[in-house]
Amino acid sequence: LLKLANDGCAAAHTSPETLRVAEWANWRDEVFGFTYEPAVFVYNAS
């Protein structure tokens, strides 16, 4: 998505809600992160 935005394929958007987004999850008001998901291990307990 960030490459798409960098290539001029995104429209900027600002609003009171976008201001709530963490600084690390907002790229130029064009790409916004909306989840917080860790990369985990999964195993079968049996």
All heavy atoms as atom14 arrays in JSON, in Angstrom:
{
  "sequence": "LLKLANDGCAAAHTSPETLRVAEWANWRDEVFGFTYEPAVFVYNAS",
  "atom14_mask": [
    [1, 1, 1, 1, 1, 1, 1, 1, 0, 0, 0, 0, 0, 0],
    [1, 1, 1, 1, 1, 1, 1, 1, 0, 0, 0, 0, 0, 0],
    [1, 1, 1, 1, 1, 1, 1, 1, 1, 0, 0, 0, 0, 0],
    [1, 1, 1, 1, 1, 1, 1, 1, 0, 0, 0, 0, 0, 0],
    [1, 1, 1, 1, 1, 0, 0, 0, 0, 0, 0, 0, 0, 0],
    [1, 1, 1, 1, 1, 1, 1, 1, 0, 0, 0, 0, 0, 0],
    [1, 1, 1, 1, 1, 1, 1, 1, 0, 0, 0, 0, 0, 0],
    [1, 1, 1, 1, 0, 0, 0, 0, 0, 0, 0, 0, 0, 0],
    [1, 1, 1, 1, 1, 1, 0, 0, 0, 0, 0, 0, 0, 0],
    [1, 1, 1, 1, 1, 0, 0, 0, 0, 0, 0, 0, 0, 0],
    [1, 1, 1, 1, 1, 0, 0, 0, 0, 0, 0, 0, 0, 0],
    [1, 1, 1, 1, 1, 0, 0, 0, 0, 0, 0, 0, 0, 0],
    [1, 1, 1, 1, 1, 1, 1, 1, 1, 1, 0, 0, 0, 0],
    [1, 1, 1, 1, 1, 1, 1, 0, 0, 0, 0, 0, 0, 0],
    [1, 1, 1, 1, 1, 1, 0, 0, 0, 0, 0, 0, 0, 0],
    [1, 1, 1, 1, 1, 1, 1, 0, 0, 0, 0, 0, 0, 0],
    [1, 1, 1, 1, 1, 1, 1, 1, 1, 0, 0, 0, 0, 0],
    [1, 1, 1, 1, 1, 1, 1, 0, 0, 0, 0, 0, 0, 0],
    [1, 1, 1, 1, 1, 1, 1, 1, 0, 0, 0, 0, 0, 0],
    [1, 1, 1, 1, 1, 1, 1, 1, 1, 1, 1, 0, 0, 0],
    [1, 1, 1, 1, 1, 1, 1, 0, 0, 0, 0, 0, 0, 0],
    [1, 1, 1, 1, 1, 0, 0, 0, 0, 0, 0, 0, 0, 0],
    [1, 1, 1, 1, 1, 1, 1, 1, 1, 0, 0, 0, 0, 0],
    [1, 1, 1, 1, 1, 1, 1, 1, 1, 1, 1, 1, 1, 1],
    [1, 1, 1, 1, 1, 0, 0, 0, 0, 0, 0, 0, 0, 0],
    [1, 1, 1, 1, 1, 1, 1, 1, 0, 0, 0, 0, 0, 0],
    [1, 1, 1, 1, 1, 1, 1, 1, 1, 1, 1, 1, 1, 1],
    [1, 1, 1, 1, 1, 1, 1, 1, 1, 1, 1, 0, 0, 0],
    [1, 1, 1, 1, 1, 1, 1, 1, 0, 0, 0, 0, 0, 0],
    [1, 1, 1, 1, 1, 1, 1, 1, 1, 0, 0, 0, 0, 0],
    [1, 1, 1, 1, 1, 1, 1, 0, 0, 0, 0, 0, 0, 0],
    [1, 1, 1, 1, 1, 1, 1, 1, 1, 1, 1, 0, 0, 0],
    [1, 1, 1, 1, 0, 0, 0, 0, 0, 0, 0, 0, 0, 0],
    [1, 1, 1, 1, 1, 1, 1, 1, 1, 1, 1, 0, 0, 0],
    [1, 1, 1, 1, 1, 1, 1, 0, 0, 0, 0, 0, 0, 0],
    [1, 1, 1, 1, 1, 1, 1, 1, 1, 1, 1, 1, 0, 0],
    [1, 1, 1, 1, 1, 1, 1, 1, 1, 0, 0, 0, 0, 0],
    [1, 1, 1, 1, 1, 1, 1, 0, 0, 0, 0, 0, 0, 0],
    [1, 1, 1, 1, 1, 0, 0, 0, 0, 0, 0, 0, 0, 0],
    [1, 1, 1, 1, 1, 1, 1, 0, 0, 0, 0, 0, 0, 0],
    [1, 1, 1, 1, 1, 1, 1, 1, 1, 1, 1, 0, 0, 0],
    [1, 1, 1, 1, 1, 1, 1, 0, 0, 0, 0, 0, 0, 0],
    [1, 1, 1, 1, 1, 1, 1, 1, 1, 1, 1, 1, 0, 0],
    [1, 1, 1, 1, 1, 1, 1, 1, 0, 0, 0, 0, 0, 0],
    [1, 1, 1, 1, 1, 0, 0, 0, 0, 0, 0, 0, 0, 0],
    [1, 1, 1, 1, 1, 1, 0, 0, 0, 0, 0, 0, 0, 0]
  ],
  "atom14_positions": [
    [[0.83, -1.2, 0.0], [0.0, 0.0, 0.0], [0.86, 1.25, 0.0], [0.54, 2.24, -0.68], [-0.92, 0.01, 1.22], [-2.05, -1.02, 1.27], [-2.94, -0.77, 2.49], [-2.89, -1.0, 0.0], [0.0, 0.0, 0.0], [0.0, 0.0, 0.0], [0.0, 0.0, 0.0], [0.0, 0.0, 0.0], [0.0, 0.0, 0.0], [0.0, 0.0, 0.0]],
    [[1.94, 1.23, 0.77], [2.81, 2.4, 0.84], [3.45, 2.69, -0.51], [3.56, 3.85, -0.92], [3.87, 2.2, 1.91], [4.68, 3.46, 2.23], [4.79, 3.67, 3.73], [6.07, 3.37, 1.62], [0.0, 0.0, 0.0], [0.0, 0.0, 0.0], [0.0, 0.0, 0.0], [0.0, 0.0, 0.0], [0.0, 0.0, 0.0], [0.0, 0.0, 0.0]],
    [[3.83, 1.65, -1.24], [4.4, 1.87, -2.57], [3.33, 2.44, -3.51], [3.63, 3.32, -4.34], [4.96, 0.57, -3.16], [5.7, 0.8, -4.49], [6.35, -0.43, -5.01], [7.24, -0.1, -6.21], [6.49, 0.58, -7.29], [0.0, 0.0, 0.0], [0.0, 0.0, 0.0], [0.0, 0.0, 0.0], [0.0, 0.0, 0.0], [0.0, 0.0, 0.0]],
    [[2.1, 1.96, -3.39], [1.02, 2.53, -4.2], [0.88, 4.02, -3.92], [0.76, 4.84, -4.83], [-0.29, 1.81, -3.91], [-0.48, 0.41, -4.5], [-1.72, -0.25, -3.92], [-0.58, 0.47, -6.02], [0.0, 0.0, 0.0], [0.0, 0.0, 0.0], [0.0, 0.0, 0.0], [0.0, 0.0, 0.0], [0.0, 0.0, 0.0], [0.0, 0.0, 0.0]],
    [[0.9, 4.38, -2.63], [0.8, 5.79, -2.26], [1.98, 6.58, -2.8], [1.82, 7.7, -3.31], [0.7, 5.92, -0.74], [0.0, 0.0, 0.0], [0.0, 0.0, 0.0], [0.0, 0.0, 0.0], [0.0, 0.0, 0.0], [0.0, 0.0, 0.0], [0.0, 0.0, 0.0], [0.0, 0.0, 0.0], [0.0, 0.0, 0.0], [0.0, 0.0, 0.0]],
    [[3.17, 6.01, -2.69], [4.37, 6.7, -3.16], [4.35, 6.89, -4.67], [4.96, 7.82, -5.2], [5.62, 5.91, -2.75], [6.89, 6.73, -2.86], [7.04, 7.74, -2.18], [7.8, 6.3, -3.72], [0.0, 0.0, 0.0], [0.0, 0.0, 0.0], [0.0, 0.0, 0.0], [0.0, 0.0, 0.0], [0.0, 0.0, 0.0], [0.0, 0.0, 0.0]],
    [[3.62, 6.0, -5.36], [3.51, 6.09, -6.82], [2.36, 7.01, -7.25], [2.04, 7.09, -8.44], [3.29, 4.7, -7.42], [4.53, 3.84, -7.34], [5.62, 4.39, -7.1], [4.41, 2.61, -7.49], [0.0, 0.0, 0.0], [0.0, 0.0, 0.0], [0.0, 0.0, 0.0], [0.0, 0.0, 0.0], [0.0, 0.0, 0.0], [0.0, 0.0, 0.0]],
    [[1.74, 7.69, -6.27], [0.69, 8.64, -6.6], [-0.68, 8.02, -6.78], [-1.54, 8.62, -7.45], [0.0, 0.0, 0.0], [0.0, 0.0, 0.0], [0.0, 0.0, 0.0], [0.0, 0.0, 0.0], [0.0, 0.0, 0.0], [0.0, 0.0, 0.0], [0.0, 0.0, 0.0], [0.0, 0.0, 0.0], [0.0, 0.0, 0.0], [0.0, 0.0, 0.0]],
    [[-0.89, 6.86, -6.2], [-2.16, 6.14, -6.41], [-3.15, 6.31, -5.26], [-4.2, 5.66, -5.25], [-1.88, 4.64, -6.59], [-0.73, 4.27, -7.93], [0.0, 0.0, 0.0], [0.0, 0.0, 0.0], [0.0, 0.0, 0.0], [0.0, 0.0, 0.0], [0.0, 0.0, 0.0], [0.0, 0.0, 0.0], [0.0, 0.0, 0.0], [0.0, 0.0, 0.0]],
    [[-2.84, 7.16, -4.27], [-3.69, 7.3, -3.09], [-4.2, 8.72, -2.95], [-3.55, 9.68, -3.36], [-2.91, 6.9, -1.83], [0.0, 0.0, 0.0], [0.0, 0.0, 0.0], [0.0, 0.0, 0.0], [0.0, 0.0, 0.0], [0.0, 0.0, 0.0], [0.0, 0.0, 0.0], [0.0, 0.0, 0.0], [0.0, 0.0, 0.0], [0.0, 0.0, 0.0]],
    [[-5.38, 8.83, -2.34], [-5.94, 10.13, -2.0], [-5.73, 10.38, -0.52], [-5.93, 9.48, 0.31], [-7.43, 10.15, -2.32], [0.0, 0.0, 0.0], [0.0, 0.0, 0.0], [0.0, 0.0, 0.0], [0.0, 0.0, 0.0], [0.0, 0.0, 0.0], [0.0, 0.0, 0.0], [0.0, 0.0, 0.0], [0.0, 0.0, 0.0], [0.0, 0.0, 0.0]],
    [[-5.3, 11.56, -0.17], [-5.09, 11.91, 1.24], [-6.44, 12.1, 1.93], [-7.42, 12.51, 1.31], [-4.25, 13.16, 1.36], [0.0, 0.0, 0.0], [0.0, 0.0, 0.0], [0.0, 0.0, 0.0], [0.0, 0.0, 0.0], [0.0, 0.0, 0.0], [0.0, 0.0, 0.0], [0.0, 0.0, 0.0], [0.0, 0.0, 0.0], [0.0, 0.0, 0.0]],
    [[-6.45, 11.82, 3.22], [-7.68, 11.99, 4.01], [-7.31, 12.39, 5.43], [-6.46, 11.76, 6.05], [-8.49, 10.7, 4.03], [-9.67, 10.75, 4.95], [-10.7, 11.67, 4.81], [-9.98, 10.02, 6.06], [-11.59, 11.49, 5.77], [-11.18, 10.5, 6.54], [0.0, 0.0, 0.0], [0.0, 0.0, 0.0], [0.0, 0.0, 0.0], [0.0, 0.0, 0.0]],
    [[-7.92, 13.45, 5.91], [-7.73, 13.86, 7.31], [-9.09, 14.07, 7.94], [-10.05, 14.51, 7.3], [-6.92, 15.17, 7.41], [-7.59, 16.19, 6.66], [-5.51, 14.97, 6.87], [0.0, 0.0, 0.0], [0.0, 0.0, 0.0], [0.0, 0.0, 0.0], [0.0, 0.0, 0.0], [0.0, 0.0, 0.0], [0.0, 0.0, 0.0], [0.0, 0.0, 0.0]],
    [[-9.17, 13.75, 9.22], [-10.42, 13.87, 9.98], [-10.06, 13.76, 11.45], [-8.92, 13.4, 11.81], [-11.39, 12.75, 9.6], [-10.92, 11.5, 10.09], [0.0, 0.0, 0.0], [0.0, 0.0, 0.0], [0.0, 0.0, 0.0], [0.0, 0.0, 0.0], [0.0, 0.0, 0.0], [0.0, 0.0, 0.0], [0.0, 0.0, 0.0], [0.0, 0.0, 0.0]],
    [[-10.98, 14.03, 12.34], [-10.71, 13.83, 13.77], [-10.28, 12.39, 14.08], [-9.48, 12.17, 14.99], [-12.04, 14.18, 14.43], [-12.66, 15.17, 13.51], [-12.29, 14.7, 12.14], [0.0, 0.0, 0.0], [0.0, 0.0, 0.0], [0.0, 0.0, 0.0], [0.0, 0.0, 0.0], [0.0, 0.0, 0.0], [0.0, 0.0, 0.0], [0.0, 0.0, 0.0]],
    [[-10.8, 11.43, 13.31], [-10.45, 10.03, 13.57], [-9.02, 9.72, 13.12], [-8.3, 8.96, 13.78], [-11.44, 9.09, 12.87], [-12.88, 9.26, 13.31], [-13.1, 9.01, 14.79], [-12.22, 8.44, 15.44], [-14.16, 9.42, 15.29], [0.0, 0.0, 0.0], [0.0, 0.0, 0.0], [0.0, 0.0, 0.0], [0.0, 0.0, 0.0], [0.0, 0.0, 0.0]],
    [[-8.57, 10.29, 12.01], [-7.21, 10.01, 11.56], [-6.18, 10.6, 12.51], [-5.05, 10.11, 12.59], [-6.97, 10.55, 10.13], [-7.09, 11.98, 10.13], [-7.97, 9.96, 9.15], [0.0, 0.0, 0.0], [0.0, 0.0, 0.0], [0.0, 0.0, 0.0], [0.0, 0.0, 0.0], [0.0, 0.0, 0.0], [0.0, 0.0, 0.0], [0.0, 0.0, 0.0]],
    [[-6.56, 11.66, 13.23], [-5.65, 12.26, 14.2], [-5.39, 11.34, 15.38], [-4.41, 11.53, 16.1], [-6.22, 13.6, 14.69], [-6.36, 14.7, 13.63], [-7.0, 15.94, 14.26], [-5.01, 15.05, 13.03], [0.0, 0.0, 0.0], [0.0, 0.0, 0.0], [0.0, 0.0, 0.0], [0.0, 0.0, 0.0], [0.0, 0.0, 0.0], [0.0, 0.0, 0.0]],
    [[-6.25, 10.35, 15.58], [-6.08, 9.41, 16.69], [-5.07, 8.31, 16.37], [-4.63, 7.58, 17.27], [-7.42, 8.75, 17.03], [-8.53, 9.73, 17.42], [-9.85, 9.02, 17.65], [-9.79, 8.08, 18.77], [-9.84, 6.76, 18.66], [-9.93, 6.2, 17.48], [-9.77, 5.99, 19.72], [0.0, 0.0, 0.0], [0.0, 0.0, 0.0], [0.0, 0.0, 0.0]],
    [[-4.7, 8.18, 15.11], [-3.83, 7.09, 14.69], [-2.4, 7.32, 15.18], [-1.88, 8.45, 15.11], [-3.83, 6.96, 13.14], [-2.89, 5.85, 12.69], [-5.25, 6.69, 12.65], [0.0, 0.0, 0.0], [0.0, 0.0, 0.0], [0.0, 0.0, 0.0], [0.0, 0.0, 0.0], [0.0, 0.0, 0.0], [0.0, 0.0, 0.0], [0.0, 0.0, 0.0]],
    [[-1.77, 6.28, 15.69], [-0.39, 6.37, 16.15], [0.51, 6.85, 15.01], [0.29, 6.52, 13.84], [0.09, 5.01, 16.66], [0.0, 0.0, 0.0], [0.0, 0.0, 0.0], [0.0, 0.0, 0.0], [0.0, 0.0, 0.0], [0.0, 0.0, 0.0], [0.0, 0.0, 0.0], [0.0, 0.0, 0.0], [0.0, 0.0, 0.0], [0.0, 0.0, 0.0]],
    [[1.52, 7.61, 15.37], [2.41, 8.21, 14.36], [3.07, 7.13, 13.49], [3.28, 7.35, 12.3], [3.45, 9.07, 15.07], [4.28, 9.94, 14.14], [5.63, 9.31, 13.83], [6.04, 8.42, 14.59], [6.25, 9.7, 12.83], [0.0, 0.0, 0.0], [0.0, 0.0, 0.0], [0.0, 0.0, 0.0], [0.0, 0.0, 0.0], [0.0, 0.0, 0.0]],
    [[3.37, 5.96, 14.07], [4.02, 4.9, 13.31], [3.07, 4.2, 12.33], [3.5, 3.42, 11.48], [4.65, 3.86, 14.24], [3.67, 3.08, 15.09], [3.26, 3.39, 16.35], [3.0, 1.88, 14.73], [2.35, 2.46, 16.8], [2.18, 1.52, 15.82], [3.0, 1.06, 13.6], [1.37, 0.38, 15.82], [2.19, -0.07, 13.58], [1.4, -0.4, 14.69]],
    [[1.75, 4.49, 12.45], [0.76, 3.81, 11.62], [0.06, 4.77, 10.67], [-1.06, 4.5, 10.22], [-0.26, 3.09, 12.5], [0.0, 0.0, 0.0], [0.0, 0.0, 0.0], [0.0, 0.0, 0.0], [0.0, 0.0, 0.0], [0.0, 0.0, 0.0], [0.0, 0.0, 0.0], [0.0, 0.0, 0.0], [0.0, 0.0, 0.0], [0.0, 0.0, 0.0]],
    [[0.71, 5.9, 10.33], [0.12, 6.87, 9.41], [1.21, 7.36, 8.46], [2.21, 7.91, 8.89], [-0.47, 8.05, 10.19], [-1.06, 9.12, 9.28], [-0.9, 9.09, 8.07], [-1.73, 10.09, 9.88], [0.0, 0.0, 0.0], [0.0, 0.0, 0.0], [0.0, 0.0, 0.0], [0.0, 0.0, 0.0], [0.0, 0.0, 0.0], [0.0, 0.0, 0.0]],
    [[1.01, 7.14, 7.17], [1.95, 7.6, 6.16], [1.31, 8.69, 5.33], [0.41, 8.44, 4.54], [2.4, 6.44, 5.28], [3.15, 6.81, 4.03], [2.74, 6.63, 2.75], [4.45, 7.42, 3.94], [3.69, 7.08, 1.85], [4.75, 7.57, 2.57], [5.37, 7.85, 4.89], [5.93, 8.14, 2.13], [6.55, 8.41, 4.45], [6.83, 8.55, 3.09]],
    [[1.7, 9.93, 5.57], [1.3, 11.1, 4.8], [-0.22, 11.26, 4.68], [-0.73, 11.78, 3.71], [1.91, 11.03, 3.38], [3.41, 11.02, 3.35], [3.97, 11.22, 1.94], [3.25, 10.49, 0.9], [3.77, 10.23, -0.3], [5.0, 10.66, -0.59], [3.08, 9.58, -1.21], [0.0, 0.0, 0.0], [0.0, 0.0, 0.0], [0.0, 0.0, 0.0]],
    [[-0.94, 10.76, 5.66], [-2.41, 10.81, 5.63], [-2.97, 10.09, 4.42], [-4.08, 10.4, 3.95], [-2.92, 12.26, 5.66], [-2.61, 12.97, 6.97], [-2.65, 12.3, 8.02], [-2.32, 14.18, 6.94], [0.0, 0.0, 0.0], [0.0, 0.0, 0.0], [0.0, 0.0, 0.0], [0.0, 0.0, 0.0], [0.0, 0.0, 0.0], [0.0, 0.0, 0.0]],
    [[-2.22, 9.11, 3.92], [-2.66, 8.34, 2.75], [-2.78, 6.85, 3.04], [-3.63, 6.17, 2.45], [-1.67, 8.55, 1.59], [-1.67, 9.98, 1.06], [-0.66, 10.19, -0.04], [0.22, 9.33, -0.24], [-0.74, 11.23, -0.73], [0.0, 0.0, 0.0], [0.0, 0.0, 0.0], [0.0, 0.0, 0.0], [0.0, 0.0, 0.0], [0.0, 0.0, 0.0]],
    [[-1.93, 6.33, 3.92], [-2.02, 4.94, 4.34], [-2.14, 4.92, 5.86], [-1.3, 5.48, 6.56], [-0.78, 4.12, 3.91], [-0.91, 2.67, 4.38], [-0.61, 4.17, 2.4], [0.0, 0.0, 0.0], [0.0, 0.0, 0.0], [0.0, 0.0, 0.0], [0.0, 0.0, 0.0], [0.0, 0.0, 0.0], [0.0, 0.0, 0.0], [0.0, 0.0, 0.0]],
    [[-3.19, 4.26, 6.35], [-3.45, 4.23, 7.79], [-3.51, 2.78, 8.28], [-4.13, 1.92, 7.65], [-4.8, 4.89, 8.12], [-4.89, 6.34, 7.71], [-5.39, 6.69, 6.46], [-4.47, 7.34, 8.57], [-5.49, 8.02, 6.08], [-4.55, 8.68, 8.2], [-5.06, 9.01, 6.95], [0.0, 0.0, 0.0], [0.0, 0.0, 0.0], [0.0, 0.0, 0.0]],
    [[-2.87, 2.52, 9.41], [-3.0, 1.23, 10.05], [-4.22, 1.23, 10.96], [-4.45, 2.19, 11.69], [0.0, 0.0, 0.0], [0.0, 0.0, 0.0], [0.0, 0.0, 0.0], [0.0, 0.0, 0.0], [0.0, 0.0, 0.0], [0.0, 0.0, 0.0], [0.0, 0.0, 0.0], [0.0, 0.0, 0.0], [0.0, 0.0, 0.0], [0.0, 0.0, 0.0]],
    [[-5.01, 0.14, 10.91], [-6.21, 0.12, 11.73], [-6.31, -1.11, 12.64], [-7.32, -1.3, 13.32], [-7.47, 0.23, 10.86], [-7.74, -0.94, 9.95], [-8.59, -1.97, 10.35], [-7.17, -1.0, 8.7], [-8.85, -3.04, 9.51], [-7.42, -2.08, 7.85], [-8.27, -3.1, 8.26], [0.0, 0.0, 0.0], [0.0, 0.0, 0.0], [0.0, 0.0, 0.0]],
    [[-5.26, -1.95, 12.66], [-5.23, -3.08, 13.6], [-3.86, -3.14, 14.27], [-2.93, -2.44, 13.89], [-5.51, -4.42, 12.9], [-4.44, -4.7, 11.96], [-6.84, -4.41, 12.17], [0.0, 0.0, 0.0], [0.0, 0.0, 0.0], [0.0, 0.0, 0.0], [0.0, 0.0, 0.0], [0.0, 0.0, 0.0], [0.0, 0.0, 0.0], [0.0, 0.0, 0.0]],
    [[-3.75, -4.02, 15.25], [-2.49, -4.23, 15.99], [-2.37, -5.73, 16.15], [-2.99, -6.33, 17.02], [-2.58, -3.53, 17.35], [-1.28, -3.46, 18.12], [-0.36, -2.44, 17.9], [-0.99, -4.4, 19.12], [0.81, -2.35, 18.64], [0.18, -4.32, 19.85], [1.08, -3.3, 19.61], [2.24, -3.22, 20.35], [0.0, 0.0, 0.0], [0.0, 0.0, 0.0]],
    [[-1.57, -6.35, 15.27], [-1.54, -7.81, 15.2], [-0.12, -8.37, 15.3], [0.7, -8.15, 14.41], [-2.19, -8.28, 13.9], [-3.64, -7.85, 13.75], [-4.24, -8.31, 12.46], [-4.4, -9.53, 12.29], [-4.53, -7.46, 11.6], [0.0, 0.0, 0.0], [0.0, 0.0, 0.0], [0.0, 0.0, 0.0], [0.0, 0.0, 0.0], [0.0, 0.0, 0.0]],
    [[0.17, -9.09, 16.36], [1.5, -9.69, 16.49], [1.65, -10.91, 15.6], [0.67, -11.6, 15.27], [1.53, -10.09, 17.97], [0.1, -10.35, 18.33], [-0.69, -9.35, 17.53], [0.0, 0.0, 0.0], [0.0, 0.0, 0.0], [0.0, 0.0, 0.0], [0.0, 0.0, 0.0], [0.0, 0.0, 0.0], [0.0, 0.0, 0.0], [0.0, 0.0, 0.0]],
    [[2.88, -11.18, 15.18], [3.21, -12.41, 14.48], [3.55, -13.45, 15.54], [4.45, -13.23, 16.37], [4.4, -12.2, 13.54], [0.0, 0.0, 0.0], [0.0, 0.0, 0.0], [0.0, 0.0, 0.0], [0.0, 0.0, 0.0], [0.0, 0.0, 0.0], [0.0, 0.0, 0.0], [0.0, 0.0, 0.0], [0.0, 0.0, 0.0], [0.0, 0.0, 0.0]],
    [[2.84, -14.57, 15.56], [2.91, -15.51, 16.68], [3.31, -16.91, 16.23], [3.33, -17.21, 15.03], [1.54, -15.57, 17.4], [1.14, -14.19, 17.93], [0.45, -16.11, 16.47], [0.0, 0.0, 0.0], [0.0, 0.0, 0.0], [0.0, 0.0, 0.0], [0.0, 0.0, 0.0], [0.0, 0.0, 0.0], [0.0, 0.0, 0.0], [0.0, 0.0, 0.0]],
    [[3.63, -17.74, 17.21], [3.77, -19.17, 17.0], [2.42, -19.82, 17.34], [1.74, -19.38, 18.26], [4.83, -19.8, 17.92], [6.2, -19.19, 17.84], [7.11, -19.39, 18.87], [6.6, -18.41, 16.76], [8.38, -18.84, 18.83], [7.87, -17.86, 16.7], [8.77, -18.07, 17.75], [0.0, 0.0, 0.0], [0.0, 0.0, 0.0], [0.0, 0.0, 0.0]],
    [[2.08, -20.85, 16.61], [0.88, -21.64, 16.93], [1.29, -23.1, 16.99], [2.1, -23.55, 16.18], [-0.21, -21.45, 15.85], [-1.46, -22.27, 16.19], [-0.58, -19.98, 15.71], [0.0, 0.0, 0.0], [0.0, 0.0, 0.0], [0.0, 0.0, 0.0], [0.0, 0.0, 0.0], [0.0, 0.0, 0.0], [0.0, 0.0, 0.0], [0.0, 0.0, 0.0]],
    [[0.76, -23.84, 17.95], [1.09, -25.26, 18.01], [-0.11, -26.08, 18.43], [-1.09, -25.57, 19.0], [2.28, -25.52, 18.95], [2.01, -25.28, 20.42], [1.64, -26.35, 21.26], [2.14, -24.01, 20.98], [1.41, -26.13, 22.62], [1.91, -23.8, 22.33], [1.54, -24.86, 23.14], [1.3, -24.66, 24.48], [0.0, 0.0, 0.0], [0.0, 0.0, 0.0]],
    [[-0.05, -27.38, 18.13], [-1.08, -28.32, 18.52], [-0.65, -28.96, 19.83], [0.37, -29.66, 19.89], [-1.26, -29.39, 17.43], [-2.43, -30.31, 17.7], [-2.59, -30.82, 18.81], [-3.24, -30.54, 16.68], [0.0, 0.0, 0.0], [0.0, 0.0, 0.0], [0.0, 0.0, 0.0], [0.0, 0.0, 0.0], [0.0, 0.0, 0.0], [0.0, 0.0, 0.0]],
    [[-1.41, -28.72, 20.9], [-1.02, -29.17, 22.23], [-1.0, -30.69, 22.36], [-0.34, -31.23, 23.27], [-1.97, -28.57, 23.28], [0.0, 0.0, 0.0], [0.0, 0.0, 0.0], [0.0, 0.0, 0.0], [0.0, 0.0, 0.0], [0.0, 0.0, 0.0], [0.0, 0.0, 0.0], [0.0, 0.0, 0.0], [0.0, 0.0, 0.0], [0.0, 0.0, 0.0]],
    [[-1.68, -31.39, 21.48], [-1.65, -32.84, 21.52], [-0.42, -33.41, 20.83], [-0.13, -34.61, 20.94], [-2.91, -33.43, 20.87], [-2.93, -33.18, 19.48], [0.0, 0.0, 0.0], [0.0, 0.0, 0.0], [0.0, 0.0, 0.0], [0.0, 0.0, 0.0], [0.0, 0.0, 0.0], [0.0, 0.0, 0.0], [0.0, 0.0, 0.0], [0.0, 0.0, 0.0]]
  ]
}
